[in-house]
Amino acid sequence: MKKIFLLGALGAIFLTSCVSSKKYAELEAKQKETEDLLNSATVKLNTCLSEKESLKDQNAMLKSSNQDLINNMGNLTTLTAKGADNLEKSLESLREKDLTIRKLQNAVTRRDSVNLALVQSLKGVLGNLDDEDINISVEKGVVYVNISDKLLFSSGSTTVTSKAKAVLGKVATVVKNKPDFEFMVEGHTDTVPIKTAAIKDNWDLSVLRATAVVRILQNEFGVSPARMTASGRGEYIPVASNDTTEGKSKNRRTRIVVLPKLDQFYSMIEEGMKDPAIN
């Protein structure tokens, strides 16, 4: 009977890891797709800005030329129909590009503003903690909350400490008030191997720690499970060298990756990219 129970438990862990990895991969692919689209939009935005300046110069030249004609001939009749038509077309093109540029800039600005508000909220509730235990940063439009292993877990354990629960409660308070965000909880380890009756290796340890944090957020603080993904990254995304004790300590961490729901920004960027004025 004990063997059957152990096999069942290991099977459940395996299924959890697979499901989490699949969901993580889907979300990561969607994030990469949006980042690529945003990068493409940024390139085109810069091109539009350059063309806008060129059109402004052309417009100024046309105005200067028309004024010279007016001064030379003494009246407005010397402004030919062709010159007036060219001037109107230049002005219309400039207006169209301005509109498209504003659409793309609005998408980027909105993303940055909501991230800034989130960071300020998180720092407001976590600001009194030691920087070595918790760090909040923004990279490529994504907010990261890194929590050290020594704060969350005892060595080799997957049980969240009482002190860490208080921290997770503060994080939960912020994310619950921002329903437009979804997030992943990632477990990370150092390179020191582990093997116990319940933990096969660092992959297992990182996944189990991520799911432990997710369960705390869901069961004790009421965060919707539909907004969370638990994933284990093992030892394969270090932030420091594993050759030193200090480096290993930094690598043993849990990272909460918070990002706005990608569909919102994908739609905004896609709308701007479809505008004929930018193409």
Protein backbone atom coordinates (compact mmCIF):
# COMPACT_ATOMS: atom_id res chain seq x y z
CA MET A 1 0.00 0.00 0.00
CA LYS A 2 2.88 2.43 0.84
CA LYS A 3 4.45 1.73 -2.56
CA ILE A 4 1.19 2.49 -4.34
CA PHE A 5 0.78 5.74 -2.41
CA LEU A 6 4.39 6.78 -3.19
CA LEU A 7 3.95 6.02 -6.90
CA GLY A 8 0.74 8.03 -6.96
CA ALA A 9 2.42 11.01 -5.29
CA LEU A 10 5.35 10.91 -7.71
CA GLY A 11 2.94 10.68 -10.63
CA ALA A 12 1.06 13.74 -9.38
CA ILE A 13 4.31 15.70 -9.12
CA PHE A 14 5.26 14.65 -12.64
CA LEU A 15 1.89 15.71 -14.06
CA THR A 16 2.09 19.05 -12.23
CA SER A 17 5.51 19.72 -13.70
CA CYS A 18 4.35 18.86 -17.23
CA VAL A 19 1.21 20.95 -17.06
CA SER A 20 3.11 23.88 -15.53
CA SER A 21 5.87 23.61 -18.16
CA LYS A 22 3.32 23.51 -21.00
CA LYS A 23 1.41 26.50 -19.68
CA TYR A 24 4.67 28.34 -19.05
CA ALA A 25 5.86 27.60 -22.60
CA GLU A 26 2.58 28.91 -24.07
CA LEU A 27 2.76 32.11 -22.06
CA GLU A 28 6.46 32.56 -22.78
CA ALA A 29 5.80 32.08 -26.54
CA LYS A 30 2.98 34.63 -26.43
CA GLN A 31 5.24 37.05 -24.58
CA LYS A 32 8.04 36.52 -27.16
CA GLU A 33 5.56 37.07 -30.01
CA THR A 34 4.40 40.34 -28.44
CA GLU A 35 7.97 41.47 -27.75
CA ASP A 36 8.94 40.77 -31.39
CA LEU A 37 5.90 42.67 -32.61
CA LEU A 38 6.68 45.55 -30.27
CA ASN A 39 10.29 45.62 -31.49
CA SER A 40 9.08 45.70 -35.10
CA ALA A 41 6.67 48.48 -34.22
CA THR A 42 9.47 50.43 -32.56
CA VAL A 43 11.62 50.18 -35.72
CA LYS A 44 8.73 51.41 -37.85
CA LEU A 45 7.96 54.10 -35.31
CA ASN A 46 11.52 55.41 -35.60
CA THR A 47 11.22 55.32 -39.41
CA CYS A 48 7.97 57.28 -39.22
CA LEU A 49 9.57 59.86 -36.95
CA SER A 50 12.40 60.29 -39.46
CA GLU A 51 9.96 60.57 -42.36
CA LYS A 52 7.91 63.04 -40.35
CA GLU A 53 10.93 65.32 -39.96
CA SER A 54 11.65 64.99 -43.68
CA LEU A 55 8.06 65.92 -44.52
CA LYS A 56 8.30 68.91 -42.22
CA ASP A 57 11.39 70.06 -44.12
CA GLN A 58 9.65 69.53 -47.46
CA ASN A 59 6.63 71.42 -46.21
CA ALA A 60 8.81 74.32 -45.09
CA MET A 61 10.53 74.38 -48.46
CA LEU A 62 7.19 74.40 -50.29
CA LYS A 63 5.91 77.21 -48.13
CA SER A 64 9.10 79.19 -48.71
CA SER A 65 8.92 78.59 -52.46
CA ASN A 66 5.28 79.63 -52.60
CA GLN A 67 6.02 82.75 -50.57
CA ASP A 68 8.82 83.67 -52.98
CA LEU A 69 6.42 83.31 -55.89
CA ILE A 70 3.87 85.48 -54.14
CA ASN A 71 6.46 88.13 -53.38
CA ASN A 72 7.83 88.08 -56.94
CA MET A 73 4.50 88.22 -58.74
CA GLY A 74 2.73 90.39 -56.23
CA ASN A 75 -0.41 88.30 -55.76
CA LEU A 76 -1.68 84.82 -54.96
CA THR A 77 -2.53 83.95 -58.56
CA THR A 78 1.05 82.83 -59.15
CA LEU A 79 0.57 79.89 -56.77
CA THR A 80 -0.15 77.26 -59.37
CA ALA A 81 -2.75 74.56 -58.94
CA LYS A 82 0.02 71.94 -58.98
CA GLY A 83 1.97 73.66 -56.23
CA ALA A 84 -1.11 73.99 -54.05
CA ASP A 85 -1.99 70.33 -54.63
CA ASN A 86 1.52 69.18 -53.65
CA LEU A 87 1.39 71.28 -50.51
CA GLU A 88 -1.98 69.79 -49.50
CA LYS A 89 -0.76 66.24 -50.13
CA SER A 90 2.33 66.83 -47.99
CA LEU A 91 0.22 68.18 -45.15
CA GLU A 92 -2.21 65.25 -45.37
CA SER A 93 0.63 62.72 -45.31
CA LEU A 94 2.10 64.43 -42.28
CA ARG A 95 -1.24 64.29 -40.45
CA GLU A 96 -1.65 60.55 -41.22
CA LYS A 97 1.81 59.68 -39.94
CA ASP A 98 1.28 61.74 -36.81
CA LEU A 99 -1.89 59.75 -36.07
CA THR A 100 -0.14 56.39 -36.55
CA ILE A 101 2.83 57.43 -34.43
CA ARG A 102 0.47 58.43 -31.63
CA LYS A 103 -1.23 55.00 -31.74
CA LEU A 104 2.08 53.16 -31.37
CA GLN A 105 3.37 55.54 -28.73
CA ASN A 106 0.13 55.14 -26.76
CA ALA A 107 0.60 51.33 -26.68
CA VAL A 108 4.16 51.64 -25.37
CA THR A 109 3.26 54.42 -22.93
CA ARG A 110 0.32 52.47 -21.52
CA ARG A 111 2.48 49.42 -20.93
CA ASP A 112 5.15 51.49 -19.19
CA SER A 113 2.65 53.38 -17.05
CA VAL A 114 0.88 50.29 -15.72
CA ASN A 115 4.24 48.66 -14.96
CA LEU A 116 5.37 51.78 -13.11
CA ALA A 117 2.18 51.81 -11.04
CA LEU A 118 2.70 48.13 -10.18
CA VAL A 119 6.33 48.64 -9.15
CA GLN A 120 5.39 51.60 -6.94
CA SER A 121 2.65 49.56 -5.27
CA LEU A 122 4.99 46.62 -4.64
CA LYS A 123 7.77 48.81 -3.29
CA GLY A 124 5.23 50.55 -1.10
CA VAL A 125 4.29 47.32 0.70
CA LEU A 126 7.73 45.66 0.59
CA GLY A 127 10.01 48.66 0.96
CA ASN A 128 11.17 47.86 4.47
CA LEU A 129 12.70 44.50 3.52
CA ASP A 130 16.41 43.84 3.08
CA ASP A 131 17.49 44.26 -0.57
CA GLU A 132 19.36 40.95 -0.29
CA ASP A 133 16.10 39.14 0.44
CA ILE A 134 13.83 40.75 -2.16
CA ASN A 135 14.38 42.77 -5.30
CA ILE A 136 11.90 44.40 -7.70
CA SER A 137 12.92 45.27 -11.26
CA VAL A 138 11.49 45.95 -14.74
CA GLU A 139 13.03 44.42 -17.87
CA LYS A 140 11.56 44.59 -21.39
CA GLY A 141 8.14 45.58 -20.15
CA VAL A 142 7.96 42.86 -17.48
CA VAL A 143 8.02 43.32 -13.69
CA TYR A 144 10.15 40.84 -11.75
CA VAL A 145 9.99 40.19 -7.99
CA ASN A 146 12.96 38.10 -6.87
CA ILE A 147 12.67 36.55 -3.39
CA SER A 148 15.70 34.84 -1.87
CA ASP A 149 15.70 31.16 -0.92
CA LYS A 150 16.74 31.93 2.66
CA LEU A 151 13.61 34.04 3.13
CA LEU A 152 11.16 31.54 1.60
CA PHE A 153 12.43 28.08 2.49
CA SER A 154 14.71 26.16 4.80
CA SER A 155 17.59 24.32 3.13
CA GLY A 156 16.31 21.54 0.84
CA SER A 157 12.73 22.17 1.97
CA THR A 158 9.60 22.96 -0.05
CA THR A 159 7.66 24.34 2.93
CA VAL A 160 7.18 28.12 2.92
CA THR A 161 8.38 29.78 6.15
CA SER A 162 6.07 31.87 8.35
CA LYS A 163 8.12 35.00 7.64
CA ALA A 164 7.78 34.40 3.89
CA LYS A 165 4.00 34.03 4.17
CA ALA A 166 3.80 37.57 5.48
CA VAL A 167 5.75 38.77 2.42
CA LEU A 168 3.57 36.76 0.03
CA GLY A 169 0.48 38.22 1.69
CA LYS A 170 1.71 41.73 0.84
CA VAL A 171 2.39 40.72 -2.77
CA ALA A 172 -1.08 39.15 -2.95
CA THR A 173 -2.69 42.38 -1.74
CA VAL A 174 -1.13 44.26 -4.66
CA VAL A 175 -1.83 41.76 -7.45
CA LYS A 176 -5.41 41.14 -6.32
CA ASN A 177 -6.14 44.83 -6.83
CA LYS A 178 -4.75 44.72 -10.37
CA PRO A 179 -6.86 42.18 -12.30
CA ASP A 180 -5.28 43.18 -15.64
CA PHE A 181 -2.08 41.39 -14.63
CA GLU A 182 -1.20 37.71 -14.72
CA PHE A 183 2.00 36.17 -13.43
CA MET A 184 4.30 33.18 -13.22
CA VAL A 185 5.98 31.87 -10.10
CA GLU A 186 9.38 30.43 -11.02
CA GLY A 187 11.54 28.26 -8.79
CA HIS A 188 15.34 28.50 -9.27
CA THR A 189 18.15 26.48 -7.65
CA ASP A 190 21.94 26.43 -7.56
CA THR A 191 24.00 23.61 -9.07
CA VAL A 192 24.32 21.54 -5.89
CA PRO A 193 22.52 18.25 -6.66
CA ILE A 194 19.70 16.99 -4.44
CA LYS A 195 18.05 13.58 -4.24
CA THR A 196 15.63 12.46 -1.56
CA ALA A 197 12.69 10.11 -1.29
CA ALA A 198 10.35 12.91 -2.41
CA ILE A 199 12.68 15.05 -4.57
CA LYS A 200 14.47 13.50 -7.53
CA ASP A 201 16.68 16.45 -8.55
CA ASN A 202 16.86 20.24 -8.84
CA TRP A 203 14.11 20.21 -11.45
CA ASP A 204 11.78 18.65 -8.90
CA LEU A 205 12.91 21.02 -6.16
CA SER A 206 12.33 24.14 -8.27
CA VAL A 207 8.87 23.01 -9.40
CA LEU A 208 7.77 21.98 -5.91
CA ARG A 209 8.86 25.32 -4.47
CA ALA A 210 6.99 27.21 -7.19
CA THR A 211 3.80 25.24 -6.60
CA ALA A 212 4.16 25.74 -2.82
CA VAL A 213 4.19 29.52 -3.33
CA VAL A 214 1.24 29.36 -5.75
CA ARG A 215 -0.81 27.33 -3.26
CA ILE A 216 -0.10 29.87 -0.49
CA LEU A 217 -1.22 32.75 -2.74
CA GLN A 218 -4.36 30.84 -3.75
CA ASN A 219 -5.42 29.12 -0.54
CA GLU A 220 -4.36 31.62 2.12
CA PHE A 221 -4.60 34.94 0.28
CA GLY A 222 -7.34 34.35 -2.28
CA VAL A 223 -5.43 35.03 -5.51
CA SER A 224 -7.29 33.55 -8.49
CA PRO A 225 -5.50 30.40 -9.72
CA ALA A 226 -6.52 31.29 -13.29
CA ARG A 227 -4.06 34.20 -13.17
CA MET A 228 -1.07 32.12 -11.99
CA THR A 229 1.41 29.71 -13.56
CA ALA A 230 3.84 27.63 -11.49
CA SER A 231 7.08 26.67 -13.20
CA GLY A 232 10.46 25.21 -12.25
CA ARG A 233 13.64 26.46 -13.96
CA GLY A 234 16.09 24.29 -12.05
CA GLU A 235 19.68 25.52 -12.02
CA TYR A 236 19.70 26.68 -15.64
CA ILE A 237 19.06 30.45 -15.37
CA PRO A 238 21.63 31.62 -12.82
CA VAL A 239 22.08 35.30 -11.93
CA ALA A 240 25.55 34.74 -10.45
CA SER A 241 28.41 32.29 -10.60
CA ASN A 242 27.84 28.95 -8.89
CA ASP A 243 31.55 28.77 -8.10
CA THR A 244 31.14 30.77 -4.89
CA THR A 245 28.91 30.42 -1.83
CA GLU A 246 27.60 33.94 -2.34
CA GLY A 247 26.77 33.23 -5.99
CA LYS A 248 24.92 30.03 -5.11
CA SER A 249 22.92 31.92 -2.51
CA LYS A 250 21.80 34.44 -5.14
CA ASN A 251 20.82 31.67 -7.56
CA ARG A 252 18.59 29.94 -5.01
CA ARG A 253 15.53 32.11 -5.40
CA THR A 254 11.87 32.26 -6.37
CA ARG A 255 10.98 34.75 -9.07
CA ILE A 256 7.48 36.16 -9.56
CA VAL A 257 7.12 37.39 -13.14
CA VAL A 258 4.27 39.90 -13.37
CA LEU A 259 3.11 41.18 -16.72
CA PRO A 260 0.01 42.85 -18.16
CA LYS A 261 -2.30 40.50 -20.01
CA LEU A 262 -0.58 40.25 -23.37
CA ASP A 263 -3.77 40.25 -25.44
CA GLN A 264 -4.42 43.90 -24.57
CA PHE A 265 -1.07 45.14 -25.85
CA TYR A 266 -0.96 42.73 -28.77
CA SER A 267 -4.26 44.20 -30.04
CA MET A 268 -3.08 47.79 -29.57
CA ILE A 269 0.21 47.21 -31.40
CA GLU A 270 -1.45 45.13 -34.12
CA GLU A 271 -3.96 47.91 -34.76
CA GLY A 272 -1.17 50.45 -35.16
CA MET A 273 0.84 48.16 -37.46
CA LYS A 274 -2.16 47.68 -39.78
CA ASP A 275 -2.54 51.41 -40.33
CA PRO A 276 -1.68 52.06 -44.01
CA ALA A 277 0.04 55.31 -43.07
CA ILE A 278 2.90 53.46 -41.38
CA ASN A 279 3.45 51.14 -44.32
